[in-house]
Amino acid sequence: MSELSKIPVTVITGFLGAGKTTLIRHLMMNPQGKRLAVLVNEFGTAGVDGDILKSCAVPDCPAENIVELANGCICCTVADDFIPTIEALMALPEQPEHILIETSGLALPKPLLKAFDWPAIRSRITVDGVIALADAEAVAAGRFAPNVEAVEAQRAADESLDHETPLSEVFEDQIACADIILLSKADLAGEAGLAAAKKVIEAETPRTLPILPMSEGVIDPRVILGLNAAAEDDLEARPSHHDGHHDHEHDDFDSVVIDLPEVEDPDALQAAIIRLAREQHVLRVKGYVAVKGKPMRMLVQAVGERLRAQYDRPWGDTPRQTQLVVIGEHHDIDPAAIRAVLEG
């Protein structure tokens, strides 16, 4: 089967809260006349991103073309989950003409690219390109590492220490694997922030890559789709901290799902979520909030101390229950302490 007859797949990677789901929503609304399918890979047991995308399905990407895999690591369950899911998408009555894969914010993209070498799918799909999103404001501030000053102090004190943090390794692997890097939330970063973020990323890229600003997930799809990168055949050009390792661990990160009853004071809950980032170093909080007296559910997305909340749609027949996914580094996740803060 020639490259032209293979179904192209775009892998969209990026750190927690970089805006991957927002970008995919934009691509769904602007499909360039192609029939799309979307595979969302969540970290944790409660899917939020897939539900967000299904709520804005369009004729060129109907709800049945949007599939979600939980637990944040496609590549660890290739035979059981990833291959059957891709095969199911390709077996749809109307076969998709382009597949978008949103990786977990904690995922290493290179092991996923290796999964495309499996005989069951290699002849039928190709990785059109890897798009890495980086939050321009966060990168400019060095927040992809928990404490940049402490890391630098370790380096100065003892050159023999392996002082790479898990967060910086994930960030660097995502950048190194990309064909194009999008600096998201460019409007929040400003010109100085964009310049600083670009400098940081250029220092990490193993080869010259386009680095483009983006706000609210809006970018011309023609810029990032149709790259014909065949990334699965180009692994050597995409170095990883984990090259040479037979497997990789996700024990650096953990998630907990917190169920709460209806909330009377959503402002107090939002303040509590911000406290989690400040006091317990939580990286990410996302989920839905049932606000007493409100027919609409509240979608909450927090990255560190930056939080966005909006009423996205009516609850309908769905149980009115607040459910939040809290993600952090393993040693920072204390379910009892997190619940205590959220219950106030």
C-alpha atoms as a PDB file:
ATOM      1  CA  MET A   1       0.000   0.000   0.000  1.00  0.00           C
ATOM      2  CA  SER A   2       1.477   3.339  -0.976  1.00  0.00           C
ATOM      3  CA  GLU A   3       1.960   6.248   1.418  1.00  0.00           C
ATOM      4  CA  LEU A   4      -0.794   8.124  -0.403  1.00  0.00           C
ATOM      5  CA  SER A   5      -3.363   5.420   0.322  1.00  0.00           C
ATOM      6  CA  LYS A   6      -2.562   5.238   4.042  1.00  0.00           C
ATOM      7  CA  ILE A   7      -4.774   7.111   6.486  1.00  0.00           C
ATOM      8  CA  PRO A   8      -2.766  10.030   7.930  1.00  0.00           C
ATOM      9  CA  VAL A   9      -2.613  10.419  11.707  1.00  0.00           C
ATOM     10  CA  THR A  10      -1.669  13.632  13.488  1.00  0.00           C
ATOM     11  CA  VAL A  11      -0.351  13.194  17.030  1.00  0.00           C
ATOM     12  CA  ILE A  12      -1.013  16.228  19.226  1.00  0.00           C
ATOM     13  CA  THR A  13       1.151  16.257  22.306  1.00  0.00           C
ATOM     14  CA  GLY A  14       1.995  18.828  24.928  1.00  0.00           C
ATOM     15  CA  PHE A  15       2.268  19.373  28.625  1.00  0.00           C
ATOM     16  CA  LEU A  16      -0.673  19.540  30.986  1.00  0.00           C
ATOM     17  CA  GLY A  17      -3.112  22.291  30.113  1.00  0.00           C
ATOM     18  CA  ALA A  18      -1.264  23.433  27.000  1.00  0.00           C
ATOM     19  CA  GLY A  19      -4.508  23.600  25.014  1.00  0.00           C
ATOM     20  CA  LYS A  20      -4.595  20.329  23.071  1.00  0.00           C
ATOM     21  CA  THR A  21      -8.361  19.831  23.395  1.00  0.00           C
ATOM     22  CA  THR A  22      -9.034  23.431  22.356  1.00  0.00           C
ATOM     23  CA  LEU A  23      -6.894  22.948  19.245  1.00  0.00           C
ATOM     24  CA  ILE A  24      -8.707  19.727  18.319  1.00  0.00           C
ATOM     25  CA  ARG A  25     -12.076  21.462  18.698  1.00  0.00           C
ATOM     26  CA  HIS A  26     -10.856  24.087  16.233  1.00  0.00           C
ATOM     27  CA  LEU A  27      -9.715  21.392  13.784  1.00  0.00           C
ATOM     28  CA  MET A  28     -13.071  19.609  14.118  1.00  0.00           C
ATOM     29  CA  MET A  29     -14.862  22.820  13.194  1.00  0.00           C
ATOM     30  CA  ASN A  30     -12.490  23.434  10.276  1.00  0.00           C
ATOM     31  CA  PRO A  31     -11.871  19.966   8.796  1.00  0.00           C
ATOM     32  CA  GLN A  32     -10.824  21.153   5.307  1.00  0.00           C
ATOM     33  CA  GLY A  33     -13.454  18.931   3.755  1.00  0.00           C
ATOM     34  CA  LYS A  34     -12.020  15.774   5.351  1.00  0.00           C
ATOM     35  CA  ARG A  35     -13.870  13.233   7.482  1.00  0.00           C
ATOM     36  CA  LEU A  36     -12.065  13.198  10.836  1.00  0.00           C
ATOM     37  CA  ALA A  37     -11.773  10.795  13.736  1.00  0.00           C
ATOM     38  CA  VAL A  38     -10.370  11.659  17.150  1.00  0.00           C
ATOM     39  CA  LEU A  39      -8.669   9.409  19.708  1.00  0.00           C
ATOM     40  CA  VAL A  40      -8.278  10.979  23.156  1.00  0.00           C
ATOM     41  CA  ASN A  41      -5.868   9.452  25.666  1.00  0.00           C
ATOM     42  CA  GLU A  42      -6.604  10.589  29.229  1.00  0.00           C
ATOM     43  CA  PHE A  43      -4.511  10.278  32.385  1.00  0.00           C
ATOM     44  CA  GLY A  44      -6.691   8.976  35.190  1.00  0.00           C
ATOM     45  CA  THR A  45      -9.958   7.117  35.262  1.00  0.00           C
ATOM     46  CA  ALA A  46     -12.434   9.937  34.652  1.00  0.00           C
ATOM     47  CA  GLY A  47     -12.494  11.210  31.088  1.00  0.00           C
ATOM     48  CA  VAL A  48     -13.093  14.919  30.632  1.00  0.00           C
ATOM     49  CA  ASP A  49     -11.453  15.839  27.316  1.00  0.00           C
ATOM     50  CA  GLY A  50     -13.308  13.174  25.333  1.00  0.00           C
ATOM     51  CA  ASP A  51     -16.622  14.353  26.744  1.00  0.00           C
ATOM     52  CA  ILE A  52     -15.793  17.962  25.850  1.00  0.00           C
ATOM     53  CA  LEU A  53     -15.051  16.956  22.255  1.00  0.00           C
ATOM     54  CA  LYS A  54     -18.141  14.765  21.894  1.00  0.00           C
ATOM     55  CA  SER A  55     -20.281  17.690  23.019  1.00  0.00           C
ATOM     56  CA  CYS A  56     -19.152  19.664  19.958  1.00  0.00           C
ATOM     57  CA  ALA A  57     -19.233  16.877  17.369  1.00  0.00           C
ATOM     58  CA  VAL A  58     -19.916  17.976  13.786  1.00  0.00           C
ATOM     59  CA  PRO A  59     -20.989  16.133  10.601  1.00  0.00           C
ATOM     60  CA  ASP A  60     -17.365  15.722   9.460  1.00  0.00           C
ATOM     61  CA  CYS A  61     -16.448  14.344  12.901  1.00  0.00           C
ATOM     62  CA  PRO A  62     -19.563  12.741  14.451  1.00  0.00           C
ATOM     63  CA  ALA A  63     -19.644  11.520  18.049  1.00  0.00           C
ATOM     64  CA  GLU A  64     -19.048   7.887  17.028  1.00  0.00           C
ATOM     65  CA  ASN A  65     -15.716   8.991  15.496  1.00  0.00           C
ATOM     66  CA  ILE A  66     -14.505  10.292  18.876  1.00  0.00           C
ATOM     67  CA  VAL A  67     -12.983   7.547  21.026  1.00  0.00           C
ATOM     68  CA  GLU A  68     -11.434   7.799  24.472  1.00  0.00           C
ATOM     69  CA  LEU A  69      -8.788   5.619  26.126  1.00  0.00           C
ATOM     70  CA  ALA A  70      -8.209   6.114  29.859  1.00  0.00           C
ATOM     71  CA  ASN A  71      -5.118   5.851  32.041  1.00  0.00           C
ATOM     72  CA  GLY A  72      -2.771   8.055  30.071  1.00  0.00           C
ATOM     73  CA  CYS A  73      -0.538   5.583  28.264  1.00  0.00           C
ATOM     74  CA  ILE A  74      -1.570   4.260  24.874  1.00  0.00           C
ATOM     75  CA  CYS A  75       1.849   2.749  24.299  1.00  0.00           C
ATOM     76  CA  CYS A  76       1.737   0.561  27.425  1.00  0.00           C
ATOM     77  CA  THR A  77      -1.376  -1.239  26.191  1.00  0.00           C
ATOM     78  CA  VAL A  78      -0.766  -1.304  22.442  1.00  0.00           C
ATOM     79  CA  ALA A  79      -2.152  -4.775  21.768  1.00  0.00           C
ATOM     80  CA  ASP A  80      -5.104  -4.541  24.170  1.00  0.00           C
ATOM     81  CA  ASP A  81      -6.292  -0.987  23.583  1.00  0.00           C
ATOM     82  CA  PHE A  82      -4.540   1.038  20.894  1.00  0.00           C
ATOM     83  CA  ILE A  83      -4.503  -1.400  17.962  1.00  0.00           C
ATOM     84  CA  PRO A  84      -8.150  -2.526  18.387  1.00  0.00           C
ATOM     85  CA  THR A  85      -9.245   1.117  18.694  1.00  0.00           C
ATOM     86  CA  ILE A  86      -7.437   2.165  15.519  1.00  0.00           C
ATOM     87  CA  GLU A  87      -8.823  -0.889  13.706  1.00  0.00           C
ATOM     88  CA  ALA A  88     -12.348  -0.010  14.883  1.00  0.00           C
ATOM     89  CA  LEU A  89     -11.983   3.536  13.572  1.00  0.00           C
ATOM     90  CA  MET A  90     -10.779   2.242  10.216  1.00  0.00           C
ATOM     91  CA  ALA A  91     -13.727  -0.173  10.109  1.00  0.00           C
ATOM     92  CA  LEU A  92     -16.369   2.555  10.467  1.00  0.00           C
ATOM     93  CA  PRO A  93     -18.990   2.539   7.682  1.00  0.00           C
ATOM     94  CA  GLU A  94     -17.512   5.825   6.511  1.00  0.00           C
ATOM     95  CA  GLN A  95     -13.783   5.436   6.983  1.00  0.00           C
ATOM     96  CA  PRO A  96     -12.084   8.533   8.412  1.00  0.00           C
ATOM     97  CA  GLU A  97      -9.770  10.403   6.081  1.00  0.00           C
ATOM     98  CA  HIS A  98      -7.599  11.806   8.877  1.00  0.00           C
ATOM     99  CA  ILE A  99      -7.187  10.713  12.516  1.00  0.00           C
ATOM    100  CA  LEU A 100      -6.234  13.086  15.322  1.00  0.00           C
ATOM    101  CA  ILE A 101      -4.692  11.627  18.485  1.00  0.00           C
ATOM    102  CA  GLU A 102      -4.613  13.753  21.612  1.00  0.00           C
ATOM    103  CA  THR A 103      -2.040  12.260  23.961  1.00  0.00           C
ATOM    104  CA  SER A 104      -2.162  12.591  27.713  1.00  0.00           C
ATOM    105  CA  GLY A 105      -0.290  15.636  28.981  1.00  0.00           C
ATOM    106  CA  LEU A 106       2.030  13.220  30.774  1.00  0.00           C
ATOM    107  CA  ALA A 107       2.711  11.023  27.748  1.00  0.00           C
ATOM    108  CA  LEU A 108       6.040  10.464  26.065  1.00  0.00           C
ATOM    109  CA  PRO A 109       5.288  10.644  22.325  1.00  0.00           C
ATOM    110  CA  LYS A 110       8.117   8.490  20.991  1.00  0.00           C
ATOM    111  CA  PRO A 111       6.838   5.161  22.389  1.00  0.00           C
ATOM    112  CA  LEU A 112       3.511   5.966  20.746  1.00  0.00           C
ATOM    113  CA  LEU A 113       5.242   6.463  17.381  1.00  0.00           C
ATOM    114  CA  LYS A 114       6.826   3.035  17.803  1.00  0.00           C
ATOM    115  CA  ALA A 115       3.339   1.565  18.180  1.00  0.00           C
ATOM    116  CA  PHE A 116       2.632   2.538  14.568  1.00  0.00           C
ATOM    117  CA  ASP A 117       5.196  -0.054  13.516  1.00  0.00           C
ATOM    118  CA  TRP A 118       2.885  -2.885  14.582  1.00  0.00           C
ATOM    119  CA  PRO A 119       2.152  -5.126  11.553  1.00  0.00           C
ATOM    120  CA  ALA A 120      -1.609  -4.972  12.121  1.00  0.00           C
ATOM    121  CA  ILE A 121      -1.735  -1.279  11.255  1.00  0.00           C
ATOM    122  CA  ARG A 122       1.599  -0.291   9.706  1.00  0.00           C
ATOM    123  CA  SER A 123       0.436  -0.835   6.127  1.00  0.00           C
ATOM    124  CA  ARG A 124      -2.790   1.093   6.679  1.00  0.00           C
ATOM    125  CA  ILE A 125      -1.880   4.294   8.561  1.00  0.00           C
ATOM    126  CA  THR A 126       1.028   6.730   8.740  1.00  0.00           C
ATOM    127  CA  VAL A 127       1.961   9.469  11.198  1.00  0.00           C
ATOM    128  CA  ASP A 128       1.407  12.624   9.179  1.00  0.00           C
ATOM    129  CA  GLY A 129       3.085  14.703  11.864  1.00  0.00           C
ATOM    130  CA  VAL A 130       3.641  15.312  15.569  1.00  0.00           C
ATOM    131  CA  ILE A 131       2.390  18.683  16.825  1.00  0.00           C
ATOM    132  CA  ALA A 132       3.722  19.734  20.241  1.00  0.00           C
ATOM    133  CA  LEU A 133       1.901  22.430  22.168  1.00  0.00           C
ATOM    134  CA  ALA A 134       3.716  24.471  24.791  1.00  0.00           C
ATOM    135  CA  ASP A 135       2.069  27.023  27.061  1.00  0.00           C
ATOM    136  CA  ALA A 136       4.084  30.120  26.137  1.00  0.00           C
ATOM    137  CA  GLU A 137       3.559  31.889  29.445  1.00  0.00           C
ATOM    138  CA  ALA A 138       4.460  28.829  31.521  1.00  0.00           C
ATOM    139  CA  VAL A 139       7.534  27.959  29.459  1.00  0.00           C
ATOM    140  CA  ALA A 140       8.766  31.546  29.604  1.00  0.00           C
ATOM    141  CA  ALA A 141       8.465  31.366  33.392  1.00  0.00           C
ATOM    142  CA  GLY A 142      10.220  27.979  33.552  1.00  0.00           C
ATOM    143  CA  ARG A 143       7.214  26.248  35.070  1.00  0.00           C
ATOM    144  CA  PHE A 144       7.643  22.975  33.164  1.00  0.00           C
ATOM    145  CA  ALA A 145      10.021  22.132  36.042  1.00  0.00           C
ATOM    146  CA  PRO A 146       8.657  22.201  39.603  1.00  0.00           C
ATOM    147  CA  ASN A 147      11.506  24.349  40.936  1.00  0.00           C
ATOM    148  CA  VAL A 148      14.082  25.559  38.450  1.00  0.00           C
ATOM    149  CA  GLU A 149      16.218  27.219  41.130  1.00  0.00           C
ATOM    150  CA  ALA A 150      16.498  23.996  43.117  1.00  0.00           C
ATOM    151  CA  VAL A 151      17.479  22.035  39.993  1.00  0.00           C
ATOM    152  CA  GLU A 152      20.182  24.563  39.164  1.00  0.00           C
ATOM    153  CA  ALA A 153      21.435  24.458  42.756  1.00  0.00           C
ATOM    154  CA  GLN A 154      21.757  20.673  42.565  1.00  0.00           C
ATOM    155  CA  ARG A 155      23.635  20.941  39.281  1.00  0.00           C
ATOM    156  CA  ALA A 156      26.043  23.469  40.773  1.00  0.00           C
ATOM    157  CA  ALA A 157      26.583  21.388  43.907  1.00  0.00           C
ATOM    158  CA  ASP A 158      27.172  18.020  42.291  1.00  0.00           C
ATOM    159  CA  GLU A 159      27.709  17.502  38.574  1.00  0.00           C
ATOM    160  CA  SER A 160      27.315  13.730  38.987  1.00  0.00           C
ATOM    161  CA  LEU A 161      23.685  13.988  40.133  1.00  0.00           C
ATOM    162  CA  ASP A 162      20.896  12.896  37.817  1.00  0.00           C
ATOM    163  CA  HIS A 163      18.867  15.975  38.559  1.00  0.00           C
ATOM    164  CA  GLU A 164      16.501  15.958  35.607  1.00  0.00           C
ATOM    165  CA  THR A 165      13.013  16.231  36.988  1.00  0.00           C
ATOM    166  CA  PRO A 166      10.210  14.112  35.525  1.00  0.00           C
ATOM    167  CA  LEU A 167       8.452  17.248  34.299  1.00  0.00           C
ATOM    168  CA  SER A 168      11.415  18.561  32.360  1.00  0.00           C
ATOM    169  CA  GLU A 169      12.032  15.151  30.792  1.00  0.00           C
ATOM    170  CA  VAL A 170       8.446  14.941  29.579  1.00  0.00           C
ATOM    171  CA  PHE A 171       8.658  18.472  28.195  1.00  0.00           C
ATOM    172  CA  GLU A 172      11.968  17.856  26.415  1.00  0.00           C
ATOM    173  CA  ASP A 173      10.814  14.541  24.938  1.00  0.00           C
ATOM    174  CA  GLN A 174       7.653  16.157  23.559  1.00  0.00           C
ATOM    175  CA  ILE A 175       9.669  18.976  21.985  1.00  0.00           C
ATOM    176  CA  ALA A 176      12.286  16.605  20.553  1.00  0.00           C
ATOM    177  CA  CYS A 177       9.629  14.431  18.924  1.00  0.00           C
ATOM    178  CA  ALA A 178       7.737  17.257  17.208  1.00  0.00           C
ATOM    179  CA  ASP A 179       7.513  18.385  13.602  1.00  0.00           C
ATOM    180  CA  ILE A 180       5.918  21.712  14.539  1.00  0.00           C
ATOM    181  CA  ILE A 181       5.710  23.451  17.926  1.00  0.00           C
ATOM    182  CA  LEU A 182       2.767  25.694  18.758  1.00  0.00           C
ATOM    183  CA  LEU A 183       3.200  28.283  21.510  1.00  0.00           C
ATOM    184  CA  SER A 184      -0.308  28.323  22.933  1.00  0.00           C
ATOM    185  CA  LYS A 185      -1.955  31.144  24.909  1.00  0.00           C
ATOM    186  CA  ALA A 186       0.233  33.600  23.035  1.00  0.00           C
ATOM    187  CA  ASP A 187      -2.177  36.391  23.936  1.00  0.00           C
ATOM    188  CA  LEU A 188      -1.462  35.850  27.642  1.00  0.00           C
ATOM    189  CA  ALA A 189       2.309  35.646  27.198  1.00  0.00           C
ATOM    190  CA  GLY A 190       2.815  38.879  25.237  1.00  0.00           C
ATOM    191  CA  GLU A 191       5.720  39.567  22.902  1.00  0.00           C
ATOM    192  CA  ALA A 192       8.380  39.306  25.626  1.00  0.00           C
ATOM    193  CA  GLY A 193       6.949  36.026  26.909  1.00  0.00           C
ATOM    194  CA  LEU A 194       6.771  34.563  23.406  1.00  0.00           C
ATOM    195  CA  ALA A 195      10.385  35.509  22.737  1.00  0.00           C
ATOM    196  CA  ALA A 196      11.512  33.968  26.030  1.00  0.00           C
ATOM    197  CA  ALA A 197       9.528  30.762  25.452  1.00  0.00           C
ATOM    198  CA  LYS A 198      10.887  30.440  21.910  1.00  0.00           C
ATOM    199  CA  LYS A 199      14.440  30.771  23.226  1.00  0.00           C
ATOM    200  CA  VAL A 200      13.854  28.018  25.802  1.00  0.00           C
ATOM    201  CA  ILE A 201      12.374  25.675  23.198  1.00  0.00           C
ATOM    202  CA  GLU A 202      15.054  26.351  20.587  1.00  0.00           C
ATOM    203  CA  ALA A 203      17.644  25.281  23.162  1.00  0.00           C
ATOM    204  CA  GLU A 204      15.878  21.916  23.526  1.00  0.00           C
ATOM    205  CA  THR A 205      15.129  21.061  19.903  1.00  0.00           C
ATOM    206  CA  PRO A 206      17.494  18.551  18.269  1.00  0.00           C
ATOM    207  CA  ARG A 207      16.823  20.127  14.865  1.00  0.00           C
ATOM    208  CA  THR A 208      15.379  23.357  13.517  1.00  0.00           C
ATOM    209  CA  LEU A 209      11.602  23.338  13.839  1.00  0.00           C
ATOM    210  CA  PRO A 210       8.842  25.844  13.075  1.00  0.00           C
ATOM    211  CA  ILE A 211       7.702  27.508  16.322  1.00  0.00           C
ATOM    212  CA  LEU A 212       4.388  29.319  15.852  1.00  0.00           C
ATOM    213  CA  PRO A 213       2.259  31.390  18.256  1.00  0.00           C
ATOM    214  CA  MET A 214      -1.390  30.395  18.789  1.00  0.00           C
ATOM    215  CA  SER A 215      -4.247  31.785  20.865  1.00  0.00           C
ATOM    216  CA  GLU A 216      -7.526  30.056  21.775  1.00  0.00           C
ATOM    217  CA  GLY A 217      -6.532  27.006  19.714  1.00  0.00           C
ATOM    218  CA  VAL A 218      -6.921  28.903  16.440  1.00  0.00           C
ATOM    219  CA  ILE A 219      -4.433  28.176  13.666  1.00  0.00           C
ATOM    220  CA  ASP A 220      -4.845  27.499   9.945  1.00  0.00           C
ATOM    221  CA  PRO A 221      -5.271  23.698   9.689  1.00  0.00           C
ATOM    222  CA  ARG A 222      -3.260  23.735   6.460  1.00  0.00           C
ATOM    223  CA  VAL A 223      -0.191  24.641   8.526  1.00  0.00           C
ATOM    224  CA  ILE A 224      -0.304  21.543  10.746  1.00  0.00           C
ATOM    225  CA  LEU A 225      -2.159  18.901   8.704  1.00  0.00           C
ATOM    226  CA  GLY A 226      -0.813  17.279   5.555  1.00  0.00           C
ATOM    227  CA  LEU A 227       2.854  17.339   6.657  1.00  0.00           C
ATOM    228  CA  ASN A 228       3.532  13.849   5.241  1.00  0.00           C
ATOM    229  CA  ALA A 229       6.263  13.401   7.855  1.00  0.00           C
ATOM    230  CA  ALA A 230       5.962   9.579   8.092  1.00  0.00           C
ATOM    231  CA  ALA A 231       7.233  10.054  11.634  1.00  0.00           C
ATOM    232  CA  GLU A 232       7.182   6.323  12.348  1.00  0.00           C
ATOM    233  CA  ASP A 233      10.071   5.980   9.860  1.00  0.00           C
ATOM    234  CA  ASP A 234      11.977   8.933  11.306  1.00  0.00           C
ATOM    235  CA  LEU A 235      12.516   7.883  14.923  1.00  0.00           C
ATOM    236  CA  GLU A 236      16.285   8.389  14.940  1.00  0.00           C
ATOM    237  CA  ALA A 237      15.795  12.120  14.363  1.00  0.00           C
ATOM    238  CA  ARG A 238      13.579  12.307  17.474  1.00  0.00           C
ATOM    239  CA  PRO A 239      15.818  11.589  20.486  1.00  0.00           C
ATOM    240  CA  SER A 240      14.307  10.731  23.865  1.00  0.00           C
ATOM    241  CA  HIS A 241      15.599  10.572  27.429  1.00  0.00           C
ATOM    242  CA  HIS A 242      14.202   7.043  27.453  1.00  0.00           C
ATOM    243  CA  ASP A 243      15.986   5.712  24.362  1.00  0.00           C
ATOM    244  CA  GLY A 244      17.492   2.333  25.133  1.00  0.00           C
ATOM    245  CA  HIS A 245      15.002   1.575  27.905  1.00  0.00           C
ATOM    246  CA  HIS A 246      12.770  -1.411  27.289  1.00  0.00           C
ATOM    247  CA  ASP A 247       9.880   0.230  29.063  1.00  0.00           C
ATOM    248  CA  HIS A 248       9.050   3.453  30.804  1.00  0.00           C
ATOM    249  CA  GLU A 249       7.452   4.297  34.109  1.00  0.00           C
ATOM    250  CA  HIS A 250       4.493   6.522  34.840  1.00  0.00           C
ATOM    251  CA  ASP A 251       4.953   6.268  38.587  1.00  0.00           C
ATOM    252  CA  ASP A 252       6.306   9.826  38.643  1.00  0.00           C
ATOM    253  CA  PHE A 253       2.719  11.045  38.333  1.00  0.00           C
ATOM    254  CA  ASP A 254      -0.538  10.125  39.955  1.00  0.00           C
ATOM    255  CA  SER A 255      -4.157  11.184  39.749  1.00  0.00           C
ATOM    256  CA  VAL A 256      -7.124  11.037  42.065  1.00  0.00           C
ATOM    257  CA  VAL A 257     -10.814  11.521  41.262  1.00  0.00           C
ATOM    258  CA  ILE A 258     -12.724  13.557  43.849  1.00  0.00           C
ATOM    259  CA  ASP A 259     -16.519  13.253  43.892  1.00  0.00           C
ATOM    260  CA  LEU A 260     -18.414  16.004  45.695  1.00  0.00           C
ATOM    261  CA  PRO A 261     -22.100  16.847  46.114  1.00  0.00           C
ATOM    262  CA  GLU A 262     -23.680  19.957  44.604  1.00  0.00           C
ATOM    263  CA  VAL A 263     -21.681  23.085  45.345  1.00  0.00           C
ATOM    264  CA  GLU A 264     -23.321  26.158  46.859  1.00  0.00           C
ATOM    265  CA  ASP A 265     -20.401  28.562  46.383  1.00  0.00           C
ATOM    266  CA  PRO A 266     -18.495  27.952  43.104  1.00  0.00           C
ATOM    267  CA  ASP A 267     -16.133  30.877  43.842  1.00  0.00           C
ATOM    268  CA  ALA A 268     -15.048  29.198  47.072  1.00  0.00           C
ATOM    269  CA  LEU A 269     -14.421  25.931  45.223  1.00  0.00           C
ATOM    270  CA  GLN A 270     -12.323  27.728  42.602  1.00  0.00           C
ATOM    271  CA  ALA A 271     -10.297  29.387  45.361  1.00  0.00           C
ATOM    272  CA  ALA A 272      -9.758  25.953  46.918  1.00  0.00           C
ATOM    273  CA  ILE A 273      -8.496  24.559  43.598  1.00  0.00           C
ATOM    274  CA  ILE A 274      -5.981  27.405  43.386  1.00  0.00           C
ATOM    275  CA  ARG A 275      -4.902  26.616  46.956  1.00  0.00           C
ATOM    276  CA  LEU A 276      -4.143  23.035  45.878  1.00  0.00           C
ATOM    277  CA  ALA A 277      -1.625  24.337  43.341  1.00  0.00           C
ATOM    278  CA  ARG A 278      -0.076  26.731  45.828  1.00  0.00           C
ATOM    279  CA  GLU A 279       0.029  24.523  48.922  1.00  0.00           C
ATOM    280  CA  GLN A 280       0.170  20.959  47.569  1.00  0.00           C
ATOM    281  CA  HIS A 281       1.916  21.531  44.222  1.00  0.00           C
ATOM    282  CA  VAL A 282      -0.968  20.029  42.243  1.00  0.00           C
ATOM    283  CA  LEU A 283      -0.291  20.352  38.498  1.00  0.00           C
ATOM    284  CA  ARG A 284      -3.737  20.065  36.986  1.00  0.00           C
ATOM    285  CA  VAL A 285      -7.390  19.956  37.996  1.00  0.00           C
ATOM    286  CA  LYS A 286     -10.196  19.365  35.520  1.00  0.00           C
ATOM    287  CA  GLY A 287     -13.762  18.231  35.707  1.00  0.00           C
ATOM    288  CA  TYR A 288     -17.398  19.236  36.094  1.00  0.00           C
ATOM    289  CA  VAL A 289     -19.077  21.052  38.968  1.00  0.00           C
ATOM    290  CA  ALA A 290     -22.746  20.824  39.897  1.00  0.00           C
ATOM    291  CA  VAL A 291     -23.704  24.276  41.194  1.00  0.00           C
ATOM    292  CA  LYS A 292     -26.858  24.383  43.306  1.00  0.00           C
ATOM    293  CA  GLY A 293     -29.673  26.176  41.495  1.00  0.00           C
ATOM    294  CA  LYS A 294     -27.897  26.140  38.109  1.00  0.00           C
ATOM    295  CA  PRO A 295     -29.259  23.925  35.290  1.00  0.00           C
ATOM    296  CA  MET A 296     -25.917  24.099  33.456  1.00  0.00           C
ATOM    297  CA  ARG A 297     -22.830  22.161  34.507  1.00  0.00           C
ATOM    298  CA  MET A 298     -19.657  24.118  35.180  1.00  0.00           C
ATOM    299  CA  LEU A 299     -16.522  22.956  33.340  1.00  0.00           C
ATOM    300  CA  VAL A 300     -13.363  23.673  35.367  1.00  0.00           C
ATOM    301  CA  GLN A 301      -9.851  23.538  33.878  1.00  0.00           C
ATOM    302  CA  ALA A 302      -6.899  24.543  36.084  1.00  0.00           C
ATOM    303  CA  VAL A 303      -3.186  24.518  35.304  1.00  0.00           C
ATOM    304  CA  GLY A 304      -1.217  25.406  38.397  1.00  0.00           C
ATOM    305  CA  GLU A 305      -2.800  28.541  39.829  1.00  0.00           C
ATOM    306  CA  ARG A 306      -4.405  29.554  36.542  1.00  0.00           C
ATOM    307  CA  LEU A 307      -8.047  28.495  36.407  1.00  0.00           C
ATOM    308  CA  ARG A 308     -10.794  28.770  33.824  1.00  0.00           C
ATOM    309  CA  ALA A 309     -14.422  27.971  34.569  1.00  0.00           C
ATOM    310  CA  GLN A 310     -17.460  28.149  32.304  1.00  0.00           C
ATOM    311  CA  TYR A 311     -20.983  26.758  32.148  1.00  0.00           C
ATOM    312  CA  ASP A 312     -20.755  24.544  29.089  1.00  0.00           C
ATOM    313  CA  ARG A 313     -24.112  22.725  28.766  1.00  0.00           C
ATOM    314  CA  PRO A 314     -27.189  21.495  30.681  1.00  0.00           C
ATOM    315  CA  TRP A 315     -26.858  18.379  32.830  1.00  0.00           C
ATOM    316  CA  GLY A 316     -29.781  16.729  31.061  1.00  0.00           C
ATOM    317  CA  ASP A 317     -30.131  13.098  32.192  1.00  0.00           C
ATOM    318  CA  THR A 318     -26.580  13.013  33.599  1.00  0.00           C
ATOM    319  CA  PRO A 319     -26.421  12.766  37.421  1.00  0.00           C
ATOM    320  CA  ARG A 320     -25.780  16.189  38.970  1.00  0.00           C
ATOM    321  CA  GLN A 321     -22.497  15.423  40.670  1.00  0.00           C
ATOM    322  CA  THR A 322     -19.260  17.331  41.020  1.00  0.00           C
ATOM    323  CA  GLN A 323     -16.317  15.242  39.825  1.00  0.00           C
ATOM    324  CA  LEU A 324     -12.774  16.584  39.616  1.00  0.00           C
ATOM    325  CA  VAL A 325      -9.622  14.847  38.346  1.00  0.00           C
ATOM    326  CA  VAL A 326      -6.549  16.045  40.260  1.00  0.00           C
ATOM    327  CA  ILE A 327      -3.104  15.307  38.771  1.00  0.00           C
ATOM    328  CA  GLY A 328       0.293  15.825  40.349  1.00  0.00           C
ATOM    329  CA  GLU A 329       3.663  14.272  40.907  1.00  0.00           C
ATOM    330  CA  HIS A 330       3.349  11.037  42.843  1.00  0.00           C
ATOM    331  CA  HIS A 331       4.773  12.347  46.120  1.00  0.00           C
ATOM    332  CA  ASP A 332       2.412  15.365  46.071  1.00  0.00           C
ATOM    333  CA  ILE A 333      -0.875  13.458  45.698  1.00  0.00           C
ATOM    334  CA  ASP A 334      -2.527  13.004  49.102  1.00  0.00           C
ATOM    335  CA  PRO A 335      -6.202  12.180  48.451  1.00  0.00           C
ATOM    336  CA  ALA A 336      -7.323  12.954  52.017  1.00  0.00           C
ATOM    337  CA  ALA A 337      -5.556  16.319  52.080  1.00  0.00           C
ATOM    338  CA  ILE A 338      -6.884  17.212  48.613  1.00  0.00           C
ATOM    339  CA  ARG A 339     -10.426  16.331  49.615  1.00  0.00           C
ATOM    340  CA  ALA A 340     -10.090  18.359  52.819  1.00  0.00           C
ATOM    341  CA  VAL A 341      -9.120  21.467  50.842  1.00  0.00           C
ATOM    342  CA  LEU A 342     -11.886  21.026  48.254  1.00  0.00           C
ATOM    343  CA  GLU A 343     -14.570  20.400  50.885  1.00  0.00           C
ATOM    344  CA  GLY A 344     -13.391  23.532  52.692  1.00  0.00           C
END
